[in-house]
Amino acid sequence: MESHWQSKSRRQGNFAWAATNDYIVFTHDLDFGAILAATGANRPSVFQVRVQDVLPESIASHVITAFAKFREELLSGAIVTLDLNRSKVRILPI
């Protein structure tokens, strides 16, 4: 079983890789936003899904709409937070 610290280290490694390779982190985990806030980094962009039902058929249309709406912000560096009632964006660094 993976400990909390092993899991956290793995997330930070994934985060660094995404920043280096200009990827967007798509996650249900709030730790990525916390890492951005703690470090003041401006990369990578993070797309957080804050819903209980994360099955693709339940959220796909909401995700596609939010990606289209915030495309430029995500390319420049941002955190997009999506729930089923709304989506919001914060420009990096925060």
C-alpha atoms as a PDB file:
ATOM      1  CA  MET A   1       0.000   0.000   0.000  1.00  0.00           C
ATOM      2  CA  GLU A   2       1.305   3.457  -0.923  1.00  0.00           C
ATOM      3  CA  SER A   3       1.801   5.924   1.937  1.00  0.00           C
ATOM      4  CA  HIS A   4       0.498   9.488   1.844  1.00  0.00           C
ATOM      5  CA  TRP A   5       4.037  10.849   1.346  1.00  0.00           C
ATOM      6  CA  GLN A   6       4.798   8.423  -1.499  1.00  0.00           C
ATOM      7  CA  SER A   7       1.565   9.452  -3.171  1.00  0.00           C
ATOM      8  CA  LYS A   8       2.351  13.149  -2.658  1.00  0.00           C
ATOM      9  CA  SER A   9       5.860  12.716  -4.086  1.00  0.00           C
ATOM     10  CA  ARG A  10       4.445  10.954  -7.149  1.00  0.00           C
ATOM     11  CA  ARG A  11       1.936  13.792  -7.698  1.00  0.00           C
ATOM     12  CA  GLN A  12       4.715  16.377  -7.480  1.00  0.00           C
ATOM     13  CA  GLY A  13       6.763  14.390 -10.010  1.00  0.00           C
ATOM     14  CA  ASN A  14       3.811  14.252 -12.392  1.00  0.00           C
ATOM     15  CA  PHE A  15       3.263  17.951 -11.851  1.00  0.00           C
ATOM     16  CA  ALA A  16       6.888  18.801 -12.696  1.00  0.00           C
ATOM     17  CA  TRP A  17       6.774  16.600 -15.801  1.00  0.00           C
ATOM     18  CA  ALA A  18       3.581  18.324 -17.010  1.00  0.00           C
ATOM     19  CA  ALA A  19       5.166  21.754 -16.494  1.00  0.00           C
ATOM     20  CA  THR A  20       8.348  20.781 -18.350  1.00  0.00           C
ATOM     21  CA  ASN A  21       6.452  19.230 -21.265  1.00  0.00           C
ATOM     22  CA  ASP A  22       3.742  21.912 -21.485  1.00  0.00           C
ATOM     23  CA  TYR A  23       0.842  19.616 -20.597  1.00  0.00           C
ATOM     24  CA  ILE A  24      -2.392  20.432 -18.759  1.00  0.00           C
ATOM     25  CA  VAL A  25      -3.066  18.437 -15.595  1.00  0.00           C
ATOM     26  CA  PHE A  26      -6.645  17.094 -15.622  1.00  0.00           C
ATOM     27  CA  THR A  27      -7.585  16.017 -12.118  1.00  0.00           C
ATOM     28  CA  HIS A  28     -10.184  15.375  -9.454  1.00  0.00           C
ATOM     29  CA  ASP A  29      -7.438  15.858  -6.827  1.00  0.00           C
ATOM     30  CA  LEU A  30      -7.207  19.298  -5.179  1.00  0.00           C
ATOM     31  CA  ASP A  31      -3.503  18.861  -4.324  1.00  0.00           C
ATOM     32  CA  PHE A  32      -2.376  20.190  -7.706  1.00  0.00           C
ATOM     33  CA  GLY A  33      -4.043  23.545  -7.075  1.00  0.00           C
ATOM     34  CA  ALA A  34      -2.474  23.615  -3.615  1.00  0.00           C
ATOM     35  CA  ILE A  35       0.973  22.972  -5.115  1.00  0.00           C
ATOM     36  CA  LEU A  36       0.496  25.890  -7.518  1.00  0.00           C
ATOM     37  CA  ALA A  37      -0.589  28.176  -4.694  1.00  0.00           C
ATOM     38  CA  ALA A  38       2.314  27.135  -2.455  1.00  0.00           C
ATOM     39  CA  THR A  39       4.993  27.471  -5.136  1.00  0.00           C
ATOM     40  CA  GLY A  40       3.715  30.479  -7.072  1.00  0.00           C
ATOM     41  CA  ALA A  41       4.374  28.555 -10.296  1.00  0.00           C
ATOM     42  CA  ASN A  42       2.871  29.671 -13.592  1.00  0.00           C
ATOM     43  CA  ARG A  43       2.916  26.185 -15.152  1.00  0.00           C
ATOM     44  CA  PRO A  44       1.395  23.719 -15.692  1.00  0.00           C
ATOM     45  CA  SER A  45      -2.223  24.639 -16.149  1.00  0.00           C
ATOM     46  CA  VAL A  46      -4.605  22.561 -14.044  1.00  0.00           C
ATOM     47  CA  PHE A  47      -8.164  21.551 -14.897  1.00  0.00           C
ATOM     48  CA  GLN A  48      -9.912  20.463 -11.675  1.00  0.00           C
ATOM     49  CA  VAL A  49     -13.172  18.534 -11.796  1.00  0.00           C
ATOM     50  CA  ARG A  50     -15.134  18.995  -8.573  1.00  0.00           C
ATOM     51  CA  VAL A  51     -18.075  16.644  -8.986  1.00  0.00           C
ATOM     52  CA  GLN A  52     -18.997  13.357  -7.323  1.00  0.00           C
ATOM     53  CA  ASP A  53     -19.740  11.451 -10.515  1.00  0.00           C
ATOM     54  CA  VAL A  54     -16.613  11.619 -12.672  1.00  0.00           C
ATOM     55  CA  LEU A  55     -17.730   9.050 -15.230  1.00  0.00           C
ATOM     56  CA  PRO A  56     -17.072  10.350 -18.750  1.00  0.00           C
ATOM     57  CA  GLU A  57     -20.709  10.087 -19.784  1.00  0.00           C
ATOM     58  CA  SER A  58     -21.681  12.288 -16.825  1.00  0.00           C
ATOM     59  CA  ILE A  59     -19.162  15.102 -17.282  1.00  0.00           C
ATOM     60  CA  ALA A  60     -17.984  15.012 -20.917  1.00  0.00           C
ATOM     61  CA  SER A  61     -20.174  17.825 -22.235  1.00  0.00           C
ATOM     62  CA  HIS A  62     -19.308  20.052 -19.250  1.00  0.00           C
ATOM     63  CA  VAL A  63     -15.580  19.387 -19.681  1.00  0.00           C
ATOM     64  CA  ILE A  64     -15.648  20.078 -23.422  1.00  0.00           C
ATOM     65  CA  THR A  65     -17.556  23.325 -22.893  1.00  0.00           C
ATOM     66  CA  ALA A  66     -15.164  24.526 -20.175  1.00  0.00           C
ATOM     67  CA  PHE A  67     -12.068  23.578 -22.208  1.00  0.00           C
ATOM     68  CA  ALA A  68     -13.405  25.574 -25.147  1.00  0.00           C
ATOM     69  CA  LYS A  69     -14.407  28.528 -22.964  1.00  0.00           C
ATOM     70  CA  PHE A  70     -11.017  28.743 -21.200  1.00  0.00           C
ATOM     71  CA  ARG A  71      -8.734  27.522 -23.996  1.00  0.00           C
ATOM     72  CA  GLU A  72      -6.543  30.621 -24.143  1.00  0.00           C
ATOM     73  CA  GLU A  73      -6.203  30.825 -20.370  1.00  0.00           C
ATOM     74  CA  LEU A  74      -5.192  27.163 -20.152  1.00  0.00           C
ATOM     75  CA  LEU A  75      -2.583  27.662 -22.875  1.00  0.00           C
ATOM     76  CA  SER A  76      -1.171  30.678 -21.005  1.00  0.00           C
ATOM     77  CA  GLY A  77      -1.253  29.168 -17.501  1.00  0.00           C
ATOM     78  CA  ALA A  78      -4.385  28.869 -15.373  1.00  0.00           C
ATOM     79  CA  ILE A  79      -6.429  26.767 -12.998  1.00  0.00           C
ATOM     80  CA  VAL A  80      -9.901  25.939 -14.267  1.00  0.00           C
ATOM     81  CA  THR A  81     -12.333  24.555 -11.710  1.00  0.00           C
ATOM     82  CA  LEU A  82     -15.437  22.791 -12.970  1.00  0.00           C
ATOM     83  CA  ASP A  83     -18.552  21.721 -11.146  1.00  0.00           C
ATOM     84  CA  LEU A  84     -21.875  20.956 -12.759  1.00  0.00           C
ATOM     85  CA  ASN A  85     -23.318  24.406 -12.038  1.00  0.00           C
ATOM     86  CA  ARG A  86     -20.421  26.569 -13.196  1.00  0.00           C
ATOM     87  CA  SER A  87     -16.791  26.785 -14.135  1.00  0.00           C
ATOM     88  CA  LYS A  88     -14.249  29.394 -13.132  1.00  0.00           C
ATOM     89  CA  VAL A  89     -10.693  30.301 -14.029  1.00  0.00           C
ATOM     90  CA  ARG A  90      -7.751  31.720 -12.075  1.00  0.00           C
ATOM     91  CA  ILE A  91      -4.745  32.985 -13.991  1.00  0.00           C
ATOM     92  CA  LEU A  92      -1.335  31.760 -12.816  1.00  0.00           C
ATOM     93  CA  PRO A  93       0.617  32.475 -10.746  1.00  0.00           C
ATOM     94  CA  ILE A  94      -1.723  32.636  -7.756  1.00  0.00           C
END
